[in-house]
Amino acid sequence: MRRYFGRKLLIYGLTFFVAVTVNWLVPRFMPGDPVASMVARANVARPEAVEAMRAYYNNLFGFDQPLWQQYLNFWAALFRGDFGLSIWLFPTPVGDVITNAVPYTLALVVPSVLLSWAVGNWFGAYAARRKLLDNTVLPIGYVLTAMPYMWLAVLLAWSLGVIAGFFPVAGGYSFSLRPTWSWNFMLDLLHHWTLPFLSLFLVALGGWAIGMRNMIIYELESDYSTYLSALGAPSRLIRRYAFRNAVLPQITGLALQLGVIVAGALVTEIVFAYPGLGSLILNAIKNKDFFLLQGTFLFIVLGVLIANFIIDIIYVVVDPRTRAGMAGANA
């Protein structure tokens, strides 16, 4: 087992290195000059003052150094936990900007991922044994899972927000309130959270339900189910074994789909102007904020890798065949 997790950690370490390097390169290939944008926002008329400001900012952000030196400085600062200063919100540190946005994204992604997976698997397994429910869950599931996150977000905002007026369609909380630990603010926060959550939950729910429905049918028609049935085993016992075997590919699917779900959450945040990492990325692109883009992508990459590693551990715990294979490899 130690060798297994050692290989996993090595793979995740190499993935992290490559992802962070690409993350550093992408903003530098974007068109435009962030320093020029900062100087333009300052509205300075004197040419000598403009040049002085340009030289100051280039030196402050390290843009006056060769690219290879900037890359080494980036890794050195990263190991110190320094993500640099935000160009868009200068002179606020990038770490502080991301810290303010991360709770919103986590509050959106974590419940939608876990609940859609749990409810979708349960509903798909139940529908596989009920013909009437199966005839409805399959087409509805296909429709939901084929919907782009942004399209469903717009549809929910229009129907439940604009037309029905049940939910707000923008922001993380009402502009008339200030963030506090009061019940009034928490309920308002939940009110703004509902539509972004539903758009992520519903799209993911359809895919998990279809996957589990198909896996349950396959397991119930397999040789061991037929053998148990011939021995007179109770149907509940056979279904329990079928569910335990069917859920294993769904755990693997969760690891594979995690990046897609996170990307969908970022787009959904932009649709609802939700103050999470998605809105930060949009503002960073518009303002050519290299350091905010780097910090935001770094957090996303690190979060997805950690979540995948946790799923790998869960898979080893729930699948005895994996543990047996690891024990045989170490013998």
Protein backbone atom coordinates (compact mmCIF):
# COMPACT_ATOMS: atom_id res chain seq x y z
CA MET A 1 0.00 0.00 0.00
CA ARG A 2 2.88 2.35 0.75
CA ARG A 3 4.29 1.77 -2.74
CA TYR A 4 0.85 2.38 -4.29
CA PHE A 5 0.36 5.73 -2.57
CA GLY A 6 3.98 6.63 -3.22
CA ARG A 7 3.40 6.24 -6.97
CA LYS A 8 0.19 8.24 -6.68
CA LEU A 9 1.94 11.07 -4.87
CA LEU A 10 4.69 11.12 -7.51
CA ILE A 11 2.10 11.31 -10.31
CA TYR A 12 0.19 14.08 -8.54
CA GLY A 13 3.44 15.95 -7.88
CA LEU A 14 4.42 15.86 -11.57
CA THR A 15 0.89 16.87 -12.56
CA PHE A 16 1.05 19.80 -10.15
CA PHE A 17 4.42 20.93 -11.55
CA VAL A 18 3.23 20.82 -15.17
CA ALA A 19 -0.11 22.48 -14.36
CA VAL A 20 1.53 25.30 -12.41
CA THR A 21 4.05 25.87 -15.20
CA VAL A 22 1.31 26.08 -17.82
CA ASN A 23 -0.62 28.29 -15.42
CA TRP A 24 2.37 30.65 -15.27
CA LEU A 25 2.84 30.68 -19.06
CA VAL A 26 -0.76 31.27 -20.16
CA PRO A 27 -1.19 34.83 -18.81
CA ARG A 28 2.11 35.88 -20.40
CA PHE A 29 0.86 34.88 -23.85
CA MET A 30 -2.26 36.99 -23.42
CA PRO A 31 -2.38 40.15 -25.57
CA GLY A 32 -1.98 43.49 -23.86
CA ASP A 33 0.28 45.08 -21.27
CA PRO A 34 -0.96 45.06 -17.65
CA VAL A 35 1.40 47.87 -16.65
CA ALA A 36 0.12 50.04 -19.49
CA SER A 37 -3.43 49.43 -18.25
CA MET A 38 -2.48 50.48 -14.72
CA VAL A 39 -0.80 53.64 -15.98
CA ALA A 40 -3.81 54.45 -18.17
CA ARG A 41 -6.15 54.10 -15.17
CA ALA A 42 -3.98 56.57 -13.26
CA ASN A 43 -4.84 59.27 -15.82
CA VAL A 44 -1.41 60.94 -15.67
CA ALA A 45 -0.80 63.56 -18.37
CA ARG A 46 2.92 64.32 -17.96
CA PRO A 47 5.07 62.00 -20.14
CA GLU A 48 7.94 61.89 -17.66
CA ALA A 49 5.54 60.85 -14.88
CA VAL A 50 4.10 58.14 -17.11
CA GLU A 51 7.55 56.71 -17.82
CA ALA A 52 8.46 56.85 -14.15
CA MET A 53 5.28 55.00 -13.19
CA ARG A 54 5.86 52.41 -15.92
CA ALA A 55 9.43 51.80 -14.72
CA TYR A 56 8.27 51.56 -11.10
CA TYR A 57 5.53 49.00 -11.82
CA ASN A 58 7.75 46.94 -14.14
CA ASN A 59 10.34 46.73 -11.39
CA LEU A 60 7.76 46.04 -8.68
CA PHE A 61 6.18 43.14 -10.57
CA GLY A 62 9.49 41.88 -11.98
CA PHE A 63 8.50 42.42 -15.63
CA ASP A 64 11.85 44.08 -16.33
CA GLN A 65 13.64 40.74 -15.83
CA PRO A 66 14.09 37.91 -18.38
CA LEU A 67 11.30 35.35 -18.56
CA TRP A 68 13.44 32.56 -17.11
CA GLN A 69 14.25 34.75 -14.09
CA GLN A 70 10.57 35.60 -13.66
CA TYR A 71 9.77 31.87 -13.70
CA LEU A 72 12.34 31.10 -11.01
CA ASN A 73 11.15 34.04 -8.93
CA PHE A 74 7.60 32.73 -9.25
CA TRP A 75 8.52 29.33 -7.79
CA ALA A 76 10.59 30.93 -5.04
CA ALA A 77 7.68 33.17 -4.06
CA LEU A 78 5.27 30.23 -4.27
CA PHE A 79 7.26 28.21 -1.75
CA ARG A 80 7.10 31.22 0.57
CA GLY A 81 3.32 31.39 0.16
CA ASP A 82 3.57 34.73 -1.66
CA PHE A 83 1.22 35.01 -4.65
CA GLY A 84 2.16 38.61 -5.42
CA LEU A 85 0.07 41.77 -5.60
CA SER A 86 -3.13 42.07 -7.58
CA ILE A 87 -2.85 44.37 -10.58
CA TRP A 88 -6.61 44.87 -10.72
CA LEU A 89 -6.99 45.63 -6.98
CA PHE A 90 -3.50 47.07 -6.45
CA PRO A 91 -1.94 46.98 -3.86
CA THR A 92 -4.08 44.20 -2.31
CA PRO A 93 -2.21 40.86 -2.04
CA VAL A 94 -3.56 38.13 -4.29
CA GLY A 95 -3.84 35.79 -1.31
CA ASP A 96 -6.29 38.15 0.41
CA VAL A 97 -8.42 38.51 -2.74
CA ILE A 98 -8.63 34.72 -3.20
CA THR A 99 -9.35 34.14 0.49
CA ASN A 100 -12.44 36.35 0.25
CA ALA A 101 -13.75 34.45 -2.81
CA VAL A 102 -12.89 30.84 -1.91
CA PRO A 103 -15.70 30.31 0.68
CA TYR A 104 -18.33 31.18 -1.95
CA THR A 105 -16.93 28.70 -4.48
CA LEU A 106 -16.50 25.92 -1.91
CA ALA A 107 -20.04 26.49 -0.61
CA LEU A 108 -21.26 26.08 -4.18
CA VAL A 109 -19.10 23.21 -5.46
CA VAL A 110 -18.88 20.85 -2.47
CA PRO A 111 -22.63 20.46 -1.77
CA SER A 112 -23.53 20.26 -5.48
CA VAL A 113 -20.89 17.57 -6.16
CA LEU A 114 -21.63 15.41 -3.12
CA LEU A 115 -25.43 15.73 -3.18
CA SER A 116 -25.76 15.19 -6.94
CA TRP A 117 -23.54 12.10 -6.68
CA ALA A 118 -25.40 10.62 -3.70
CA VAL A 119 -28.92 11.45 -4.89
CA GLY A 120 -28.15 10.50 -8.51
CA ASN A 121 -26.76 7.10 -7.53
CA TRP A 122 -29.67 6.35 -5.21
CA PHE A 123 -32.27 7.49 -7.74
CA GLY A 124 -30.62 5.60 -10.61
CA ALA A 125 -30.42 2.39 -8.58
CA TYR A 126 -34.06 2.71 -7.57
CA ALA A 127 -35.21 3.52 -11.11
CA ALA A 128 -33.46 0.41 -12.50
CA ARG A 129 -35.96 -1.74 -10.55
CA ARG A 130 -39.11 0.25 -11.40
CA LYS A 131 -40.22 0.19 -15.04
CA LEU A 132 -42.46 3.25 -14.78
CA LEU A 133 -39.73 5.26 -13.07
CA ASP A 134 -37.12 3.94 -15.48
CA ASN A 135 -39.15 5.18 -18.45
CA THR A 136 -39.10 8.68 -16.99
CA VAL A 137 -35.66 8.92 -15.36
CA LEU A 138 -33.80 7.92 -18.51
CA PRO A 139 -35.08 10.66 -20.84
CA ILE A 140 -35.05 13.30 -18.10
CA GLY A 141 -31.52 12.28 -17.16
CA TYR A 142 -30.33 12.55 -20.75
CA VAL A 143 -31.86 16.02 -21.07
CA LEU A 144 -30.28 17.22 -17.83
CA THR A 145 -26.81 15.83 -18.46
CA ALA A 146 -26.78 17.25 -22.02
CA MET A 147 -27.52 20.77 -20.80
CA PRO A 148 -24.53 23.14 -20.64
CA TYR A 149 -24.11 24.58 -17.15
CA MET A 150 -24.36 28.16 -18.38
CA TRP A 151 -27.54 27.48 -20.39
CA LEU A 152 -29.34 25.92 -17.44
CA ALA A 153 -28.11 28.77 -15.22
CA VAL A 154 -29.59 31.34 -17.60
CA LEU A 155 -32.84 29.34 -17.82
CA LEU A 156 -33.18 29.15 -14.03
CA ALA A 157 -32.34 32.82 -13.61
CA TRP A 158 -34.97 33.77 -16.18
CA SER A 159 -37.75 31.45 -14.97
CA LEU A 160 -37.32 31.41 -11.18
CA GLY A 161 -35.65 34.80 -10.83
CA VAL A 162 -36.92 37.26 -13.43
CA ILE A 163 -40.37 35.78 -14.22
CA ALA A 164 -41.40 34.15 -10.93
CA GLY A 165 -39.34 36.44 -8.70
CA PHE A 166 -38.62 33.67 -6.19
CA PHE A 167 -34.84 34.13 -6.11
CA PRO A 168 -32.31 36.91 -6.81
CA VAL A 169 -30.35 36.53 -10.03
CA ALA A 170 -27.08 38.25 -9.14
CA GLY A 171 -24.63 38.65 -6.27
CA GLY A 172 -23.76 36.61 -3.21
CA TYR A 173 -25.96 38.66 -0.88
CA SER A 174 -28.09 41.81 -0.95
CA PHE A 175 -26.20 45.06 -1.40
CA SER A 176 -28.15 46.55 1.50
CA LEU A 177 -26.59 44.09 3.95
CA ARG A 178 -23.12 43.80 5.41
CA PRO A 179 -21.52 40.39 6.03
CA THR A 180 -22.25 39.34 9.62
CA TRP A 181 -23.02 36.13 11.49
CA SER A 182 -26.68 37.14 11.92
CA TRP A 183 -29.59 34.91 10.85
CA ASN A 184 -30.83 37.66 8.56
CA PHE A 185 -27.58 37.68 6.59
CA MET A 186 -27.31 33.87 6.52
CA LEU A 187 -30.82 33.49 5.10
CA ASP A 188 -30.08 36.13 2.49
CA LEU A 189 -26.83 34.33 1.62
CA LEU A 190 -28.77 31.06 1.21
CA HIS A 191 -31.36 32.84 -0.93
CA HIS A 192 -28.67 34.02 -3.38
CA TRP A 193 -26.94 30.62 -3.29
CA THR A 194 -29.97 28.55 -4.33
CA LEU A 195 -30.07 29.17 -8.10
CA PRO A 196 -26.32 28.68 -8.72
CA PHE A 197 -26.49 25.48 -6.66
CA LEU A 198 -29.51 24.15 -8.56
CA SER A 199 -27.88 24.74 -11.95
CA LEU A 200 -24.86 22.64 -10.92
CA PHE A 201 -26.85 20.03 -9.01
CA LEU A 202 -29.38 19.29 -11.76
CA VAL A 203 -26.86 18.88 -14.59
CA ALA A 204 -24.68 16.52 -12.56
CA LEU A 205 -27.69 14.64 -11.16
CA GLY A 206 -28.80 13.40 -14.58
CA GLY A 207 -25.41 11.91 -15.43
CA TRP A 208 -25.04 10.05 -12.14
CA ALA A 209 -28.59 8.68 -12.32
CA ILE A 210 -28.12 7.33 -15.85
CA GLY A 211 -24.73 5.81 -15.00
CA MET A 212 -25.99 4.04 -11.89
CA ARG A 213 -29.15 2.83 -13.63
CA ASN A 214 -27.10 1.20 -16.39
CA MET A 215 -24.60 -0.31 -13.95
CA ILE A 216 -27.33 -1.78 -11.73
CA ILE A 217 -29.01 -3.45 -14.70
CA TYR A 218 -25.65 -4.88 -15.79
CA GLU A 219 -24.88 -6.20 -12.30
CA LEU A 220 -28.35 -7.74 -11.82
CA GLU A 221 -27.91 -9.67 -15.10
CA SER A 222 -24.37 -10.86 -14.28
CA ASP A 223 -23.43 -14.45 -13.43
CA TYR A 224 -23.09 -13.99 -9.67
CA SER A 225 -26.58 -12.45 -9.44
CA THR A 226 -28.06 -15.32 -11.42
CA TYR A 227 -26.19 -17.82 -9.22
CA LEU A 228 -27.37 -16.19 -6.00
CA SER A 229 -30.94 -16.12 -7.29
CA ALA A 230 -30.73 -19.83 -8.17
CA LEU A 231 -29.55 -20.56 -4.63
CA GLY A 232 -32.65 -18.82 -3.30
CA ALA A 233 -30.90 -15.72 -1.95
CA PRO A 234 -33.27 -12.86 -1.06
CA SER A 235 -33.69 -10.17 -3.71
CA ARG A 236 -32.64 -7.53 -1.20
CA LEU A 237 -29.28 -9.27 -0.69
CA ILE A 238 -28.69 -9.56 -4.45
CA ARG A 239 -29.52 -5.88 -4.94
CA ARG A 240 -27.15 -4.95 -2.11
CA TYR A 241 -24.25 -6.79 -3.77
CA ALA A 242 -25.19 -5.28 -7.13
CA PHE A 243 -25.20 -1.77 -5.68
CA ARG A 244 -21.81 -2.23 -4.00
CA ASN A 245 -20.26 -3.36 -7.29
CA ALA A 246 -22.05 -0.72 -9.36
CA VAL A 247 -20.97 2.16 -7.14
CA LEU A 248 -17.25 1.52 -7.72
CA PRO A 249 -17.22 2.86 -11.33
CA GLN A 250 -19.25 5.82 -10.07
CA ILE A 251 -16.47 6.66 -7.62
CA THR A 252 -13.98 6.56 -10.49
CA GLY A 253 -16.36 8.70 -12.54
CA LEU A 254 -16.47 11.26 -9.74
CA ALA A 255 -12.70 11.66 -9.95
CA LEU A 256 -12.86 12.01 -13.74
CA GLN A 257 -15.74 14.49 -13.71
CA LEU A 258 -14.46 16.66 -10.88
CA GLY A 259 -12.58 19.04 -13.17
CA VAL A 260 -15.62 19.40 -15.45
CA ILE A 261 -17.87 20.18 -12.50
CA VAL A 262 -15.44 22.79 -11.15
CA ALA A 263 -15.22 24.41 -14.59
CA GLY A 264 -19.03 24.44 -14.74
CA ALA A 265 -19.13 26.10 -11.33
CA LEU A 266 -16.81 28.88 -12.52
CA VAL A 267 -19.04 29.57 -15.53
CA THR A 268 -22.15 29.46 -13.36
CA GLU A 269 -20.63 32.03 -11.01
CA ILE A 270 -20.09 34.37 -13.94
CA VAL A 271 -23.73 33.98 -15.07
CA PHE A 272 -25.05 34.86 -11.61
CA ALA A 273 -22.28 37.39 -10.82
CA TYR A 274 -21.60 35.19 -7.80
CA PRO A 275 -18.53 36.47 -5.87
CA GLY A 276 -16.45 33.31 -6.16
CA LEU A 277 -13.37 32.29 -8.12
CA GLY A 278 -15.21 32.39 -11.45
CA SER A 279 -15.93 36.10 -11.10
CA LEU A 280 -12.31 36.65 -10.04
CA ILE A 281 -11.04 34.93 -13.19
CA LEU A 282 -13.29 37.06 -15.39
CA ASN A 283 -12.12 40.30 -13.74
CA ALA A 284 -8.50 39.16 -13.84
CA ILE A 285 -8.74 38.52 -17.60
CA LYS A 286 -10.44 41.85 -18.26
CA ASN A 287 -7.80 43.72 -16.25
CA LYS A 288 -4.83 41.58 -17.43
CA ASP A 289 -4.05 40.67 -13.83
CA PHE A 290 -1.37 38.00 -14.26
CA PHE A 291 -0.89 37.36 -10.58
CA LEU A 292 -4.58 37.01 -9.73
CA LEU A 293 -5.03 34.58 -12.64
CA GLN A 294 -2.04 32.54 -11.46
CA GLY A 295 -3.26 32.44 -7.88
CA THR A 296 -6.83 31.52 -8.81
CA PHE A 297 -5.81 28.74 -11.21
CA LEU A 298 -3.28 27.48 -8.68
CA PHE A 299 -5.96 27.12 -6.03
CA ILE A 300 -8.28 25.32 -8.48
CA VAL A 301 -5.54 22.91 -9.63
CA LEU A 302 -4.49 22.18 -6.06
CA GLY A 303 -8.09 21.65 -4.95
CA VAL A 304 -8.87 19.24 -7.81
CA LEU A 305 -5.68 17.24 -7.21
CA ILE A 306 -6.34 16.95 -3.47
CA ALA A 307 -9.94 15.89 -4.11
CA ASN A 308 -8.79 13.24 -6.62
CA PHE A 309 -6.25 11.92 -4.13
CA ILE A 310 -8.97 11.64 -1.48
CA ILE A 311 -11.16 9.76 -3.98
CA ASP A 312 -8.24 7.38 -4.65
CA ILE A 313 -8.02 6.66 -0.92
CA ILE A 314 -11.78 6.10 -0.69
CA TYR A 315 -11.63 3.71 -3.64
CA VAL A 316 -8.98 1.61 -1.91
CA VAL A 317 -11.07 1.54 1.27
CA VAL A 318 -14.35 0.48 -0.40
CA ASP A 319 -12.93 -1.94 -3.00
CA PRO A 320 -11.43 -5.12 -1.43
CA ARG A 321 -10.15 -6.25 -4.86
CA THR A 322 -7.85 -3.23 -5.01
CA ARG A 323 -6.48 -3.97 -1.55
CA ALA A 324 -5.99 -7.64 -2.48
CA GLY A 325 -4.14 -6.65 -5.64
CA MET A 326 -1.89 -4.30 -3.67
CA ALA A 327 -1.16 -7.03 -1.13
CA GLY A 328 -0.31 -9.46 -3.95
CA ALA A 329 1.99 -6.93 -5.60
CA ASN A 330 3.86 -6.39 -2.32
CA ALA A 331 4.18 -10.12 -1.60
